[in-house]
Amino acid sequence: MNPGLRARNNASYSFELRRLVKRLLTAAAVSVLISACATSPTGRNQLILVSPEVAAVESQKAYVSTVQQLDAEQKLLDDPELADRVQLITGRLVAIAIDEYPHTRDWEWSVVLIDDPSTVNAWCMAGGRMAVYSGLFKAAHLDDEELAQIMGHEISHALANHTAERMSVALASSAGVIAAGVAAENTGIVLVGAALAAKLAIELPNSRKSEAEADQIGIELAAKAGYNPAAAVSLWQKMELAAGSGPVEFLSTHPSPDNRREKLRAMVPEMLEIQRAAYVSPYPVTIIRDEADLASAPGQNSASPASY
């Protein structure tokens, strides 16, 4: 190609890229203004640049990739007894979640059991995709009541749009880098900024405010599903003991608010008043045993949660 023509093409490409990024930044700025009124289920103001719908789509992609990798590494746990236990507990929690947040009926509620005895962790992505590590039982020795509390806490992160919030914080954190690249006409910086946003969205831990909020929503969710709220206190005692014997993955992404156990203990009397005595029939949460099970996860259906 003629050197002069190549230079003109490169200049044209650079100009078009800068125009595109400027439009994206302008759209992001408008989104900030629009989303300033976004509030969580507890009334807390949230920065939501990434919509919950987009967060759910991206989470679904990440979930499929995670399951594929676990399957390839033979880390999908084959334990029918534990699977039944987890399915029952999460199913009862999800039944309450759907009753109180009807839009979640269309979520792909599922749980993957991960064979990793040394990892004490659990999570729930946007859209209802969950994971439970075997270390919760091998290292932390959680009973059913405590497992209900930790999964209620994780489900609450999804209900309160914390995934979208973390992705939004990541986007906002990298906006300055992207803007600097546009101003300096440095496409490399622009691309690094975009990559940084994606990386932060995955690695950024929950904020202390998000943790306190998930504690509040989670203990209530578990109580309404029939689980003893006092188990929220013993859960964190066990988590702290597990941390004393080595790093706990859960605590690295779930920073503990000051006086967490004391705050949860203070909630117990109120939660006992709303604790459901009648048995709560579980929603049919899918247990992911292999990649093929991803297609059978509930979602986009008209089935209602079982009566209770």
C-alpha atoms as a PDB file:
ATOM      1  CA  MET A   1       0.000   0.000   0.000  1.00  0.00           C
ATOM      2  CA  ASN A   2       1.140   3.543  -0.733  1.00  0.00           C
ATOM      3  CA  PRO A   3       2.666   5.022   2.491  1.00  0.00           C
ATOM      4  CA  GLY A   4       0.654   8.187   2.105  1.00  0.00           C
ATOM      5  CA  LEU A   5      -2.584   6.265   1.677  1.00  0.00           C
ATOM      6  CA  ARG A   6      -1.758   4.081   4.695  1.00  0.00           C
ATOM      7  CA  ALA A   7      -1.164   7.179   6.820  1.00  0.00           C
ATOM      8  CA  ARG A   8      -4.473   8.691   5.717  1.00  0.00           C
ATOM      9  CA  ASN A   9      -6.286   5.440   6.504  1.00  0.00           C
ATOM     10  CA  ASN A  10      -4.690   5.239   9.944  1.00  0.00           C
ATOM     11  CA  ALA A  11      -5.604   8.858  10.654  1.00  0.00           C
ATOM     12  CA  SER A  12      -9.179   8.190   9.532  1.00  0.00           C
ATOM     13  CA  TYR A  13      -9.380   5.073  11.744  1.00  0.00           C
ATOM     14  CA  SER A  14      -8.011   7.016  14.730  1.00  0.00           C
ATOM     15  CA  PHE A  15     -10.508   9.829  14.165  1.00  0.00           C
ATOM     16  CA  GLU A  16     -13.451   7.419  13.934  1.00  0.00           C
ATOM     17  CA  LEU A  17     -12.306   5.583  17.081  1.00  0.00           C
ATOM     18  CA  ARG A  18     -12.061   8.846  19.010  1.00  0.00           C
ATOM     19  CA  ARG A  19     -15.538   9.840  17.831  1.00  0.00           C
ATOM     20  CA  LEU A  20     -16.938   6.456  18.905  1.00  0.00           C
ATOM     21  CA  VAL A  21     -15.338   6.598  22.343  1.00  0.00           C
ATOM     22  CA  LYS A  22     -16.493  10.184  22.848  1.00  0.00           C
ATOM     23  CA  ARG A  23     -20.048   9.103  22.048  1.00  0.00           C
ATOM     24  CA  LEU A  24     -19.747   6.248  24.530  1.00  0.00           C
ATOM     25  CA  LEU A  25     -18.400   8.575  27.202  1.00  0.00           C
ATOM     26  CA  THR A  26     -21.213  11.036  26.540  1.00  0.00           C
ATOM     27  CA  ALA A  27     -23.744   8.233  26.803  1.00  0.00           C
ATOM     28  CA  ALA A  28     -22.109   7.092  30.035  1.00  0.00           C
ATOM     29  CA  ALA A  29     -22.318  10.613  31.437  1.00  0.00           C
ATOM     30  CA  VAL A  30     -26.020  10.786  30.564  1.00  0.00           C
ATOM     31  CA  SER A  31     -26.498   7.373  32.158  1.00  0.00           C
ATOM     32  CA  VAL A  32     -24.898   8.658  35.363  1.00  0.00           C
ATOM     33  CA  LEU A  33     -27.464  11.435  35.545  1.00  0.00           C
ATOM     34  CA  ILE A  34     -30.343   9.094  34.777  1.00  0.00           C
ATOM     35  CA  SER A  35     -29.175   6.422  37.203  1.00  0.00           C
ATOM     36  CA  ALA A  36     -28.559   8.850  40.075  1.00  0.00           C
ATOM     37  CA  CYS A  37     -32.056   8.024  41.322  1.00  0.00           C
ATOM     38  CA  ALA A  38     -31.497   4.253  41.284  1.00  0.00           C
ATOM     39  CA  THR A  39     -32.190   2.736  44.689  1.00  0.00           C
ATOM     40  CA  SER A  40     -31.668  -0.706  46.198  1.00  0.00           C
ATOM     41  CA  PRO A  41     -34.414  -2.736  47.929  1.00  0.00           C
ATOM     42  CA  THR A  42     -33.385  -1.125  51.236  1.00  0.00           C
ATOM     43  CA  GLY A  43     -33.575   2.407  49.801  1.00  0.00           C
ATOM     44  CA  ARG A  44     -29.822   2.901  49.391  1.00  0.00           C
ATOM     45  CA  ASN A  45     -28.668   5.059  46.469  1.00  0.00           C
ATOM     46  CA  GLN A  46     -26.805   3.031  43.837  1.00  0.00           C
ATOM     47  CA  LEU A  47     -24.571   3.864  40.890  1.00  0.00           C
ATOM     48  CA  ILE A  48     -26.032   1.771  38.058  1.00  0.00           C
ATOM     49  CA  LEU A  49     -24.316   2.474  34.731  1.00  0.00           C
ATOM     50  CA  VAL A  50     -24.705  -1.145  33.666  1.00  0.00           C
ATOM     51  CA  SER A  51     -28.329  -2.253  33.622  1.00  0.00           C
ATOM     52  CA  PRO A  52     -29.350  -5.346  35.600  1.00  0.00           C
ATOM     53  CA  GLU A  53     -30.362  -6.925  32.276  1.00  0.00           C
ATOM     54  CA  VAL A  54     -26.883  -6.439  30.807  1.00  0.00           C
ATOM     55  CA  ALA A  55     -25.328  -7.710  34.051  1.00  0.00           C
ATOM     56  CA  ALA A  56     -27.469 -10.859  33.811  1.00  0.00           C
ATOM     57  CA  VAL A  57     -26.456 -11.493  30.205  1.00  0.00           C
ATOM     58  CA  GLU A  58     -22.758 -11.050  30.961  1.00  0.00           C
ATOM     59  CA  SER A  59     -23.085 -13.206  34.081  1.00  0.00           C
ATOM     60  CA  GLN A  60     -24.691 -15.974  32.032  1.00  0.00           C
ATOM     61  CA  LYS A  61     -21.701 -15.958  29.674  1.00  0.00           C
ATOM     62  CA  ALA A  62     -19.278 -16.078  32.600  1.00  0.00           C
ATOM     63  CA  TYR A  63     -21.257 -18.887  34.245  1.00  0.00           C
ATOM     64  CA  VAL A  64     -21.209 -21.063  31.130  1.00  0.00           C
ATOM     65  CA  SER A  65     -17.476 -20.492  30.762  1.00  0.00           C
ATOM     66  CA  THR A  66     -16.905 -21.343  34.444  1.00  0.00           C
ATOM     67  CA  VAL A  67     -18.919 -24.574  34.230  1.00  0.00           C
ATOM     68  CA  GLN A  68     -17.105 -25.608  31.047  1.00  0.00           C
ATOM     69  CA  GLN A  69     -13.747 -25.060  32.712  1.00  0.00           C
ATOM     70  CA  LEU A  70     -14.793 -26.916  35.874  1.00  0.00           C
ATOM     71  CA  ASP A  71     -16.102 -29.799  33.778  1.00  0.00           C
ATOM     72  CA  ALA A  72     -12.831 -29.976  31.847  1.00  0.00           C
ATOM     73  CA  GLU A  73     -10.862 -29.970  35.111  1.00  0.00           C
ATOM     74  CA  GLN A  74     -13.202 -32.593  36.627  1.00  0.00           C
ATOM     75  CA  LYS A  75     -14.077 -30.274  39.505  1.00  0.00           C
ATOM     76  CA  LEU A  76     -17.853 -30.616  39.279  1.00  0.00           C
ATOM     77  CA  LEU A  77     -18.797 -32.392  42.490  1.00  0.00           C
ATOM     78  CA  ASP A  78     -20.772 -35.628  42.123  1.00  0.00           C
ATOM     79  CA  ASP A  79     -22.393 -35.997  45.550  1.00  0.00           C
ATOM     80  CA  PRO A  80     -26.129 -36.803  45.305  1.00  0.00           C
ATOM     81  CA  GLU A  81     -26.742 -36.390  49.037  1.00  0.00           C
ATOM     82  CA  LEU A  82     -25.131 -32.936  49.142  1.00  0.00           C
ATOM     83  CA  ALA A  83     -26.839 -31.991  45.885  1.00  0.00           C
ATOM     84  CA  ASP A  84     -30.265 -32.803  47.374  1.00  0.00           C
ATOM     85  CA  ARG A  85     -29.406 -30.826  50.483  1.00  0.00           C
ATOM     86  CA  VAL A  86     -28.283 -27.748  48.555  1.00  0.00           C
ATOM     87  CA  GLN A  87     -31.191 -27.976  46.119  1.00  0.00           C
ATOM     88  CA  LEU A  88     -33.748 -28.074  48.940  1.00  0.00           C
ATOM     89  CA  ILE A  89     -32.259 -25.152  50.848  1.00  0.00           C
ATOM     90  CA  THR A  90     -31.710 -22.888  47.848  1.00  0.00           C
ATOM     91  CA  GLY A  91     -35.106 -23.889  46.481  1.00  0.00           C
ATOM     92  CA  ARG A  92     -36.901 -22.701  49.613  1.00  0.00           C
ATOM     93  CA  LEU A  93     -34.973 -19.421  49.554  1.00  0.00           C
ATOM     94  CA  VAL A  94     -35.713 -18.907  45.853  1.00  0.00           C
ATOM     95  CA  ALA A  95     -39.431 -19.568  46.416  1.00  0.00           C
ATOM     96  CA  ILE A  96     -39.501 -16.603  48.817  1.00  0.00           C
ATOM     97  CA  ALA A  97     -37.326 -14.486  46.511  1.00  0.00           C
ATOM     98  CA  ILE A  98     -39.715 -15.026  43.585  1.00  0.00           C
ATOM     99  CA  ASP A  99     -42.708 -14.265  45.782  1.00  0.00           C
ATOM    100  CA  GLU A 100     -41.211 -10.942  46.868  1.00  0.00           C
ATOM    101  CA  TYR A 101     -39.381 -10.070  43.632  1.00  0.00           C
ATOM    102  CA  PRO A 102     -41.682 -11.435  40.879  1.00  0.00           C
ATOM    103  CA  HIS A 103     -39.345 -10.436  38.037  1.00  0.00           C
ATOM    104  CA  THR A 104     -36.889 -13.080  39.248  1.00  0.00           C
ATOM    105  CA  ARG A 105     -39.303 -15.824  38.144  1.00  0.00           C
ATOM    106  CA  ASP A 106     -37.574 -15.670  34.748  1.00  0.00           C
ATOM    107  CA  TRP A 107     -34.076 -16.040  36.188  1.00  0.00           C
ATOM    108  CA  GLU A 108     -32.073 -19.183  35.473  1.00  0.00           C
ATOM    109  CA  TRP A 109     -31.956 -20.391  39.069  1.00  0.00           C
ATOM    110  CA  SER A 110     -29.218 -23.004  39.273  1.00  0.00           C
ATOM    111  CA  VAL A 111     -26.359 -24.177  41.491  1.00  0.00           C
ATOM    112  CA  VAL A 112     -23.021 -25.675  40.530  1.00  0.00           C
ATOM    113  CA  LEU A 113     -21.286 -27.752  43.215  1.00  0.00           C
ATOM    114  CA  ILE A 114     -17.531 -27.275  43.049  1.00  0.00           C
ATOM    115  CA  ASP A 115     -15.192 -29.964  44.303  1.00  0.00           C
ATOM    116  CA  ASP A 116     -12.646 -27.831  46.174  1.00  0.00           C
ATOM    117  CA  PRO A 117     -12.380 -28.830  49.865  1.00  0.00           C
ATOM    118  CA  SER A 118      -9.879 -26.068  50.647  1.00  0.00           C
ATOM    119  CA  THR A 119     -12.031 -23.205  49.327  1.00  0.00           C
ATOM    120  CA  VAL A 120     -14.672 -21.787  51.674  1.00  0.00           C
ATOM    121  CA  ASN A 121     -16.873 -19.844  49.303  1.00  0.00           C
ATOM    122  CA  ALA A 122     -20.254 -19.441  47.622  1.00  0.00           C
ATOM    123  CA  TRP A 123     -21.700 -16.895  45.236  1.00  0.00           C
ATOM    124  CA  CYS A 124     -24.771 -15.906  43.249  1.00  0.00           C
ATOM    125  CA  MET A 125     -24.476 -14.028  39.969  1.00  0.00           C
ATOM    126  CA  ALA A 126     -26.996 -11.695  38.435  1.00  0.00           C
ATOM    127  CA  GLY A 127     -29.783 -13.835  37.002  1.00  0.00           C
ATOM    128  CA  GLY A 128     -29.762 -16.437  39.795  1.00  0.00           C
ATOM    129  CA  ARG A 129     -26.717 -18.524  38.854  1.00  0.00           C
ATOM    130  CA  MET A 130     -25.098 -19.869  42.023  1.00  0.00           C
ATOM    131  CA  ALA A 131     -22.082 -21.864  43.131  1.00  0.00           C
ATOM    132  CA  VAL A 132     -21.246 -23.726  46.334  1.00  0.00           C
ATOM    133  CA  TYR A 133     -17.730 -24.947  47.138  1.00  0.00           C
ATOM    134  CA  SER A 134     -17.243 -28.186  49.076  1.00  0.00           C
ATOM    135  CA  GLY A 135     -14.962 -26.314  51.487  1.00  0.00           C
ATOM    136  CA  LEU A 136     -18.056 -24.846  53.126  1.00  0.00           C
ATOM    137  CA  PHE A 137     -18.716 -28.308  54.536  1.00  0.00           C
ATOM    138  CA  LYS A 138     -15.202 -29.766  54.736  1.00  0.00           C
ATOM    139  CA  ALA A 139     -13.491 -26.732  56.297  1.00  0.00           C
ATOM    140  CA  ALA A 140     -16.270 -24.569  57.777  1.00  0.00           C
ATOM    141  CA  HIS A 141     -18.627 -27.473  58.692  1.00  0.00           C
ATOM    142  CA  LEU A 142     -21.843 -25.544  58.011  1.00  0.00           C
ATOM    143  CA  ASP A 143     -25.161 -27.091  59.001  1.00  0.00           C
ATOM    144  CA  ASP A 144     -28.386 -26.602  57.028  1.00  0.00           C
ATOM    145  CA  GLU A 145     -29.472 -23.504  58.951  1.00  0.00           C
ATOM    146  CA  GLU A 146     -26.094 -21.845  58.368  1.00  0.00           C
ATOM    147  CA  LEU A 147     -26.020 -22.841  54.700  1.00  0.00           C
ATOM    148  CA  ALA A 148     -29.435 -21.188  54.343  1.00  0.00           C
ATOM    149  CA  GLN A 149     -27.985 -17.992  55.798  1.00  0.00           C
ATOM    150  CA  ILE A 150     -24.981 -17.885  53.491  1.00  0.00           C
ATOM    151  CA  MET A 151     -27.071 -18.667  50.400  1.00  0.00           C
ATOM    152  CA  GLY A 152     -29.712 -16.155  51.487  1.00  0.00           C
ATOM    153  CA  HIS A 153     -26.897 -13.610  51.721  1.00  0.00           C
ATOM    154  CA  GLU A 154     -25.596 -14.543  48.243  1.00  0.00           C
ATOM    155  CA  ILE A 155     -29.042 -14.492  46.633  1.00  0.00           C
ATOM    156  CA  SER A 156     -29.570 -11.063  48.196  1.00  0.00           C
ATOM    157  CA  HIS A 157     -26.543  -9.722  46.328  1.00  0.00           C
ATOM    158  CA  ALA A 158     -28.328 -10.653  43.095  1.00  0.00           C
ATOM    159  CA  LEU A 159     -31.717  -9.324  44.234  1.00  0.00           C
ATOM    160  CA  ALA A 160     -30.150  -5.975  45.144  1.00  0.00           C
ATOM    161  CA  ASN A 161     -28.369  -5.679  41.764  1.00  0.00           C
ATOM    162  CA  HIS A 162     -24.930  -5.717  43.370  1.00  0.00           C
ATOM    163  CA  THR A 163     -23.394  -7.354  40.281  1.00  0.00           C
ATOM    164  CA  ALA A 164     -24.580  -4.468  38.102  1.00  0.00           C
ATOM    165  CA  GLU A 165     -23.368  -2.050  40.767  1.00  0.00           C
ATOM    166  CA  ARG A 166     -19.852  -3.574  40.855  1.00  0.00           C
ATOM    167  CA  MET A 167     -19.678  -3.540  37.059  1.00  0.00           C
ATOM    168  CA  SER A 168     -20.771   0.102  37.109  1.00  0.00           C
ATOM    169  CA  VAL A 169     -18.086   1.009  39.634  1.00  0.00           C
ATOM    170  CA  ALA A 170     -15.548  -0.752  37.429  1.00  0.00           C
ATOM    171  CA  LEU A 171     -16.740   1.231  34.408  1.00  0.00           C
ATOM    172  CA  ALA A 172     -16.592   4.494  36.315  1.00  0.00           C
ATOM    173  CA  SER A 173     -13.141   3.615  37.659  1.00  0.00           C
ATOM    174  CA  SER A 174     -11.763   3.153  34.160  1.00  0.00           C
ATOM    175  CA  ALA A 175     -13.573   6.123  32.599  1.00  0.00           C
ATOM    176  CA  GLY A 176     -10.737   8.488  33.485  1.00  0.00           C
ATOM    177  CA  VAL A 177      -8.210   6.220  31.795  1.00  0.00           C
ATOM    178  CA  ILE A 178     -10.377   6.001  28.685  1.00  0.00           C
ATOM    179  CA  ALA A 179     -10.927   9.775  28.633  1.00  0.00           C
ATOM    180  CA  ALA A 180      -7.184  10.354  28.935  1.00  0.00           C
ATOM    181  CA  GLY A 181      -6.614   8.096  25.964  1.00  0.00           C
ATOM    182  CA  VAL A 182      -9.178   9.991  23.900  1.00  0.00           C
ATOM    183  CA  ALA A 183      -7.657  13.364  24.814  1.00  0.00           C
ATOM    184  CA  ALA A 184      -4.147  12.135  23.987  1.00  0.00           C
ATOM    185  CA  GLU A 185      -5.372  10.328  20.844  1.00  0.00           C
ATOM    186  CA  ASN A 186      -3.748   7.188  22.299  1.00  0.00           C
ATOM    187  CA  THR A 187      -5.806   4.185  21.162  1.00  0.00           C
ATOM    188  CA  GLY A 188      -3.640   1.888  23.273  1.00  0.00           C
ATOM    189  CA  ILE A 189      -4.708   3.651  26.465  1.00  0.00           C
ATOM    190  CA  VAL A 190      -8.342   3.517  25.346  1.00  0.00           C
ATOM    191  CA  LEU A 191      -8.156  -0.245  24.846  1.00  0.00           C
ATOM    192  CA  VAL A 192      -6.308  -0.725  28.154  1.00  0.00           C
ATOM    193  CA  GLY A 193      -9.014   1.304  29.902  1.00  0.00           C
ATOM    194  CA  ALA A 194     -11.755  -0.901  28.478  1.00  0.00           C
ATOM    195  CA  ALA A 195      -9.873  -4.026  29.520  1.00  0.00           C
ATOM    196  CA  LEU A 196      -9.353  -2.583  32.983  1.00  0.00           C
ATOM    197  CA  ALA A 197     -13.101  -2.069  33.378  1.00  0.00           C
ATOM    198  CA  ALA A 198     -13.774  -5.702  32.489  1.00  0.00           C
ATOM    199  CA  LYS A 199     -11.077  -6.943  34.866  1.00  0.00           C
ATOM    200  CA  LEU A 200     -12.303  -4.799  37.757  1.00  0.00           C
ATOM    201  CA  ALA A 201     -15.880  -5.967  37.218  1.00  0.00           C
ATOM    202  CA  ILE A 202     -14.751  -9.535  37.879  1.00  0.00           C
ATOM    203  CA  GLU A 203     -12.308  -8.925  40.726  1.00  0.00           C
ATOM    204  CA  LEU A 204     -13.825  -6.003  42.625  1.00  0.00           C
ATOM    205  CA  PRO A 205     -15.056  -7.111  46.066  1.00  0.00           C
ATOM    206  CA  ASN A 206     -18.433  -6.141  47.445  1.00  0.00           C
ATOM    207  CA  SER A 207     -18.481  -2.856  49.312  1.00  0.00           C
ATOM    208  CA  ARG A 208     -19.169  -2.781  53.036  1.00  0.00           C
ATOM    209  CA  LYS A 209     -22.505  -1.102  52.304  1.00  0.00           C
ATOM    210  CA  SER A 210     -23.414  -3.919  49.919  1.00  0.00           C
ATOM    211  CA  GLU A 211     -22.389  -6.491  52.511  1.00  0.00           C
ATOM    212  CA  ALA A 212     -24.520  -4.895  55.208  1.00  0.00           C
ATOM    213  CA  GLU A 213     -27.419  -4.741  52.771  1.00  0.00           C
ATOM    214  CA  ALA A 214     -27.051  -8.422  51.808  1.00  0.00           C
ATOM    215  CA  ASP A 215     -26.925  -9.314  55.506  1.00  0.00           C
ATOM    216  CA  GLN A 216     -30.191  -7.469  56.094  1.00  0.00           C
ATOM    217  CA  ILE A 217     -32.039  -8.874  53.064  1.00  0.00           C
ATOM    218  CA  GLY A 218     -30.518 -12.343  53.470  1.00  0.00           C
ATOM    219  CA  ILE A 219     -31.440 -12.932  57.090  1.00  0.00           C
ATOM    220  CA  GLU A 220     -35.019 -11.858  56.321  1.00  0.00           C
ATOM    221  CA  LEU A 221     -35.183 -14.093  53.244  1.00  0.00           C
ATOM    222  CA  ALA A 222     -33.976 -17.079  55.258  1.00  0.00           C
ATOM    223  CA  ALA A 223     -36.404 -16.379  58.116  1.00  0.00           C
ATOM    224  CA  LYS A 224     -39.352 -16.229  55.725  1.00  0.00           C
ATOM    225  CA  ALA A 225     -38.149 -19.527  54.226  1.00  0.00           C
ATOM    226  CA  GLY A 226     -38.379 -21.038  57.719  1.00  0.00           C
ATOM    227  CA  TYR A 227     -34.718 -20.982  58.791  1.00  0.00           C
ATOM    228  CA  ASN A 228     -33.495 -19.932  62.223  1.00  0.00           C
ATOM    229  CA  PRO A 229     -32.091 -16.371  62.062  1.00  0.00           C
ATOM    230  CA  ALA A 230     -29.721 -17.113  64.959  1.00  0.00           C
ATOM    231  CA  ALA A 231     -27.744 -19.238  62.485  1.00  0.00           C
ATOM    232  CA  ALA A 232     -26.562 -16.007  60.828  1.00  0.00           C
ATOM    233  CA  VAL A 233     -24.517 -15.324  63.953  1.00  0.00           C
ATOM    234  CA  SER A 234     -23.042 -18.824  64.238  1.00  0.00           C
ATOM    235  CA  LEU A 235     -22.284 -18.755  60.489  1.00  0.00           C
ATOM    236  CA  TRP A 236     -19.928 -15.818  60.859  1.00  0.00           C
ATOM    237  CA  GLN A 237     -18.352 -17.340  63.936  1.00  0.00           C
ATOM    238  CA  LYS A 238     -17.477 -20.399  61.849  1.00  0.00           C
ATOM    239  CA  MET A 239     -16.250 -18.268  58.963  1.00  0.00           C
ATOM    240  CA  GLU A 240     -13.937 -16.361  61.275  1.00  0.00           C
ATOM    241  CA  LEU A 241     -12.639 -19.623  62.748  1.00  0.00           C
ATOM    242  CA  ALA A 242     -12.020 -20.968  59.244  1.00  0.00           C
ATOM    243  CA  ALA A 243     -10.115 -17.778  58.408  1.00  0.00           C
ATOM    244  CA  GLY A 244      -7.872 -18.391  61.407  1.00  0.00           C
ATOM    245  CA  SER A 245      -6.610 -21.626  59.895  1.00  0.00           C
ATOM    246  CA  GLY A 246      -5.884 -20.162  56.463  1.00  0.00           C
ATOM    247  CA  PRO A 247      -7.129 -17.752  53.768  1.00  0.00           C
ATOM    248  CA  VAL A 248     -10.885 -17.820  53.173  1.00  0.00           C
ATOM    249  CA  GLU A 249     -11.871 -16.884  49.624  1.00  0.00           C
ATOM    250  CA  PHE A 250     -15.340 -15.782  50.741  1.00  0.00           C
ATOM    251  CA  LEU A 251     -13.922 -13.158  53.091  1.00  0.00           C
ATOM    252  CA  SER A 252     -11.670 -11.712  50.371  1.00  0.00           C
ATOM    253  CA  THR A 253     -14.687 -10.730  48.271  1.00  0.00           C
ATOM    254  CA  HIS A 254     -17.069 -10.182  51.202  1.00  0.00           C
ATOM    255  CA  PRO A 255     -15.369  -7.687  53.521  1.00  0.00           C
ATOM    256  CA  SER A 256     -16.816  -7.883  57.004  1.00  0.00           C
ATOM    257  CA  PRO A 257     -18.561  -4.721  58.225  1.00  0.00           C
ATOM    258  CA  ASP A 258     -17.615  -3.585  61.709  1.00  0.00           C
ATOM    259  CA  ASN A 259     -19.432  -5.539  64.433  1.00  0.00           C
ATOM    260  CA  ARG A 260     -21.120  -7.757  61.854  1.00  0.00           C
ATOM    261  CA  ARG A 261     -22.082 -10.524  64.245  1.00  0.00           C
ATOM    262  CA  GLU A 262     -23.390  -8.026  66.790  1.00  0.00           C
ATOM    263  CA  LYS A 263     -25.545  -6.333  64.161  1.00  0.00           C
ATOM    264  CA  LEU A 264     -26.925  -9.677  63.010  1.00  0.00           C
ATOM    265  CA  ARG A 265     -27.569 -10.726  66.595  1.00  0.00           C
ATOM    266  CA  ALA A 266     -29.561  -7.525  67.100  1.00  0.00           C
ATOM    267  CA  MET A 267     -31.768  -8.451  64.123  1.00  0.00           C
ATOM    268  CA  VAL A 268     -32.626 -11.914  65.472  1.00  0.00           C
ATOM    269  CA  PRO A 269     -35.627 -10.980  67.685  1.00  0.00           C
ATOM    270  CA  GLU A 270     -37.351  -9.160  64.822  1.00  0.00           C
ATOM    271  CA  MET A 271     -36.566 -11.996  62.403  1.00  0.00           C
ATOM    272  CA  LEU A 272     -37.987 -14.580  64.821  1.00  0.00           C
ATOM    273  CA  GLU A 273     -41.307 -12.754  64.565  1.00  0.00           C
ATOM    274  CA  ILE A 274     -41.430 -13.226  60.792  1.00  0.00           C
ATOM    275  CA  GLN A 275     -39.873 -16.703  60.697  1.00  0.00           C
ATOM    276  CA  ARG A 276     -42.321 -18.925  58.857  1.00  0.00           C
ATOM    277  CA  ALA A 277     -43.407 -21.975  60.820  1.00  0.00           C
ATOM    278  CA  ALA A 278     -45.171 -23.670  57.898  1.00  0.00           C
ATOM    279  CA  TYR A 279     -43.009 -25.665  55.509  1.00  0.00           C
ATOM    280  CA  VAL A 280     -41.954 -23.695  52.420  1.00  0.00           C
ATOM    281  CA  SER A 281     -42.074 -25.836  49.293  1.00  0.00           C
ATOM    282  CA  PRO A 282     -38.896 -25.371  47.246  1.00  0.00           C
ATOM    283  CA  TYR A 283     -38.685 -23.857  43.796  1.00  0.00           C
ATOM    284  CA  PRO A 284     -37.084 -26.340  41.339  1.00  0.00           C
ATOM    285  CA  VAL A 285     -33.527 -25.035  41.315  1.00  0.00           C
ATOM    286  CA  THR A 286     -31.304 -26.897  38.849  1.00  0.00           C
ATOM    287  CA  ILE A 287     -28.179 -28.627  40.132  1.00  0.00           C
ATOM    288  CA  ILE A 288     -25.442 -28.367  37.508  1.00  0.00           C
ATOM    289  CA  ARG A 289     -23.653 -31.729  37.311  1.00  0.00           C
ATOM    290  CA  ASP A 290     -22.190 -31.233  33.839  1.00  0.00           C
ATOM    291  CA  GLU A 291     -22.296 -28.789  30.942  1.00  0.00           C
ATOM    292  CA  ALA A 292     -25.469 -30.375  29.547  1.00  0.00           C
ATOM    293  CA  ASP A 293     -27.409 -29.364  32.689  1.00  0.00           C
ATOM    294  CA  LEU A 294     -27.027 -25.686  31.761  1.00  0.00           C
ATOM    295  CA  ALA A 295     -29.797 -26.086  29.196  1.00  0.00           C
ATOM    296  CA  SER A 296     -32.253 -27.390  31.800  1.00  0.00           C
ATOM    297  CA  ALA A 297     -31.965 -24.461  34.239  1.00  0.00           C
ATOM    298  CA  PRO A 298     -35.359 -22.840  34.844  1.00  0.00           C
ATOM    299  CA  GLY A 299     -35.963 -19.446  33.284  1.00  0.00           C
ATOM    300  CA  GLN A 300     -38.275 -17.747  30.819  1.00  0.00           C
ATOM    301  CA  ASN A 301     -41.080 -20.045  31.897  1.00  0.00           C
ATOM    302  CA  SER A 302     -44.473 -19.594  33.434  1.00  0.00           C
ATOM    303  CA  ALA A 303     -44.097 -22.044  36.282  1.00  0.00           C
ATOM    304  CA  SER A 304     -44.883 -20.500  39.635  1.00  0.00           C
ATOM    305  CA  PRO A 305     -43.034 -21.251  42.839  1.00  0.00           C
ATOM    306  CA  ALA A 306     -44.636 -24.009  44.863  1.00  0.00           C
ATOM    307  CA  SER A 307     -47.224 -22.908  47.404  1.00  0.00           C
ATOM    308  CA  TYR A 308     -46.325 -22.504  51.052  1.00  0.00           C
END
